[in-house]
């Protein structure tokens, strides 16, 4: 078995032509939250989820999926393009304390900084 070591050159990271790839294969970036209950254990409907971050310089697709069972199962990923003016999805489902997973396999830069979530607390 061989071990690979990666070194990033800060100067090249400032280049507009920089990509995040190894031998032309893009690295996969995955960010997964812990449980998010938005201050209440009541069921919530997530109406809109916006990914906040630096605009990608090219198409940079982020897949967003949800779990409401401690990460045992995940919804099918829905995609947003970080190169768009306002990357968001709507009608995300109902949860008590969801985990949110974001996956990006693009080699273009597209920093994810935060999530903005519009939700409605349901009666049950």
Protein backbone atom coordinates (compact mmCIF):
# COMPACT_ATOMS: atom_id res chain seq x y z
CA UNK A 1 0.00 0.00 0.00
CA UNK A 2 1.23 3.50 -0.81
CA UNK A 3 0.62 6.63 1.20
CA UNK A 4 0.00 9.90 -0.58
CA UNK A 5 0.96 13.26 0.86
CA UNK A 6 -0.50 16.48 -0.47
CA UNK A 7 1.04 19.91 -0.27
CA UNK A 8 -0.80 23.08 -1.19
CA UNK A 9 1.19 26.05 -2.35
CA UNK A 10 -0.41 29.23 -0.96
CA UNK A 11 0.81 31.28 -3.95
CA UNK A 12 -0.92 28.93 -6.39
CA UNK A 13 -4.11 29.07 -4.32
CA UNK A 14 -4.41 32.76 -5.18
CA UNK A 15 -4.26 31.99 -8.89
CA UNK A 16 -7.58 32.31 -10.75
CA UNK A 17 -6.69 29.12 -12.63
CA UNK A 18 -6.21 27.01 -9.51
CA UNK A 19 -8.15 23.77 -9.17
CA UNK A 20 -8.50 21.26 -6.33
CA UNK A 21 -7.63 17.99 -8.02
CA UNK A 22 -5.19 15.09 -7.82
CA UNK A 23 -4.08 13.80 -11.20
CA UNK A 24 -7.21 15.39 -12.75
CA UNK A 25 -9.57 13.77 -10.20
CA UNK A 26 -11.36 16.30 -8.02
CA UNK A 27 -11.18 16.04 -4.23
CA UNK A 28 -14.54 15.46 -2.54
CA UNK A 29 -15.38 17.91 0.23
CA UNK A 30 -18.01 16.79 2.76
CA UNK A 31 -19.42 18.91 5.57
CA UNK A 32 -21.91 17.34 7.97
CA UNK A 33 -23.64 19.13 10.83
CA UNK A 34 -24.59 17.63 14.15
CA UNK A 35 -28.26 17.61 15.07
CA UNK A 36 -29.81 21.06 14.63
CA UNK A 37 -33.03 21.60 16.61
CA UNK A 38 -33.39 25.38 16.04
CA UNK A 39 -34.20 25.85 19.73
CA UNK A 40 -37.20 23.53 19.93
CA UNK A 41 -37.87 19.78 19.86
CA UNK A 42 -41.14 20.39 17.99
CA UNK A 43 -41.31 19.25 14.41
CA UNK A 44 -40.18 21.86 11.87
CA UNK A 45 -40.64 22.23 8.14
CA UNK A 46 -37.54 23.53 6.38
CA UNK A 47 -38.93 25.85 3.73
CA UNK A 48 -35.65 27.14 2.28
CA UNK A 49 -31.96 26.37 2.78
CA UNK A 50 -29.38 28.74 1.35
CA UNK A 51 -25.66 27.97 1.14
CA UNK A 52 -23.66 31.11 1.94
CA UNK A 53 -20.12 31.40 0.64
CA UNK A 54 -17.76 32.81 -1.91
CA UNK A 55 -18.97 32.51 -5.48
CA UNK A 56 -17.25 29.78 -7.42
CA UNK A 57 -15.49 30.90 -10.59
CA UNK A 58 -17.02 27.99 -12.49
CA UNK A 59 -19.80 25.46 -11.98
CA UNK A 60 -19.39 24.04 -8.47
CA UNK A 61 -22.26 21.74 -7.53
CA UNK A 62 -23.01 21.12 -3.86
CA UNK A 63 -25.29 18.20 -3.00
CA UNK A 64 -27.48 18.74 0.09
CA UNK A 65 -29.09 15.86 1.98
CA UNK A 66 -30.88 15.49 5.32
CA UNK A 67 -31.13 12.87 8.07
CA UNK A 68 -33.54 12.77 11.01
CA UNK A 69 -32.34 9.46 12.48
CA UNK A 70 -28.81 10.20 13.73
CA UNK A 71 -27.27 9.81 10.27
CA UNK A 72 -28.48 6.24 9.75
CA UNK A 73 -30.28 7.17 6.52
CA UNK A 74 -30.02 10.24 4.29
CA UNK A 75 -32.39 11.81 1.80
CA UNK A 76 -31.36 11.87 -1.83
CA UNK A 77 -29.05 14.81 -2.44
CA UNK A 78 -30.47 17.94 -4.05
CA UNK A 79 -28.02 20.15 -5.88
CA UNK A 80 -27.18 23.85 -5.86
CA UNK A 81 -24.53 25.56 -7.97
CA UNK A 82 -22.19 27.78 -5.95
CA UNK A 83 -21.56 29.72 -9.16
CA UNK A 84 -25.19 30.94 -9.18
CA UNK A 85 -26.16 34.30 -7.71
CA UNK A 86 -28.26 32.75 -4.92
CA UNK A 87 -27.63 29.02 -4.27
CA UNK A 88 -30.62 27.58 -2.40
CA UNK A 89 -33.18 24.79 -2.33
CA UNK A 90 -36.80 24.90 -1.15
CA UNK A 91 -39.30 22.41 0.29
CA UNK A 92 -36.67 20.41 2.18
CA UNK A 93 -38.96 18.32 4.39
CA UNK A 94 -40.06 18.09 8.04
CA UNK A 95 -37.76 17.18 10.91
CA UNK A 96 -37.37 17.39 14.68
CA UNK A 97 -33.58 17.76 14.78
CA UNK A 98 -32.07 17.16 11.35
CA UNK A 99 -28.48 16.66 10.39
CA UNK A 100 -27.48 18.34 7.13
CA UNK A 101 -24.76 17.03 4.82
CA UNK A 102 -23.17 19.02 2.00
CA UNK A 103 -20.94 17.33 -0.57
CA UNK A 104 -18.92 19.02 -3.30
CA UNK A 105 -16.82 17.08 -5.83
CA UNK A 106 -15.98 20.04 -8.07
CA UNK A 107 -12.38 21.07 -8.58
CA UNK A 108 -13.42 24.76 -8.71
CA UNK A 109 -13.14 26.92 -5.63
CA UNK A 110 -16.43 27.68 -3.93
CA UNK A 111 -16.02 28.23 -0.24
CA UNK A 112 -19.01 27.35 1.93
CA UNK A 113 -19.24 29.68 4.93
CA UNK A 114 -22.68 29.15 6.47
CA UNK A 115 -26.22 27.91 5.98
CA UNK A 116 -29.29 30.15 6.18
CA UNK A 117 -32.41 28.18 7.02
CA UNK A 118 -36.00 29.41 6.76
CA UNK A 119 -38.27 27.09 8.73
CA UNK A 120 -41.77 26.87 10.18
CA UNK A 121 -42.47 25.28 13.58
CA UNK A 122 -45.33 22.82 13.20
CA UNK A 123 -47.99 22.15 15.85
CA UNK A 124 -47.01 18.53 16.45
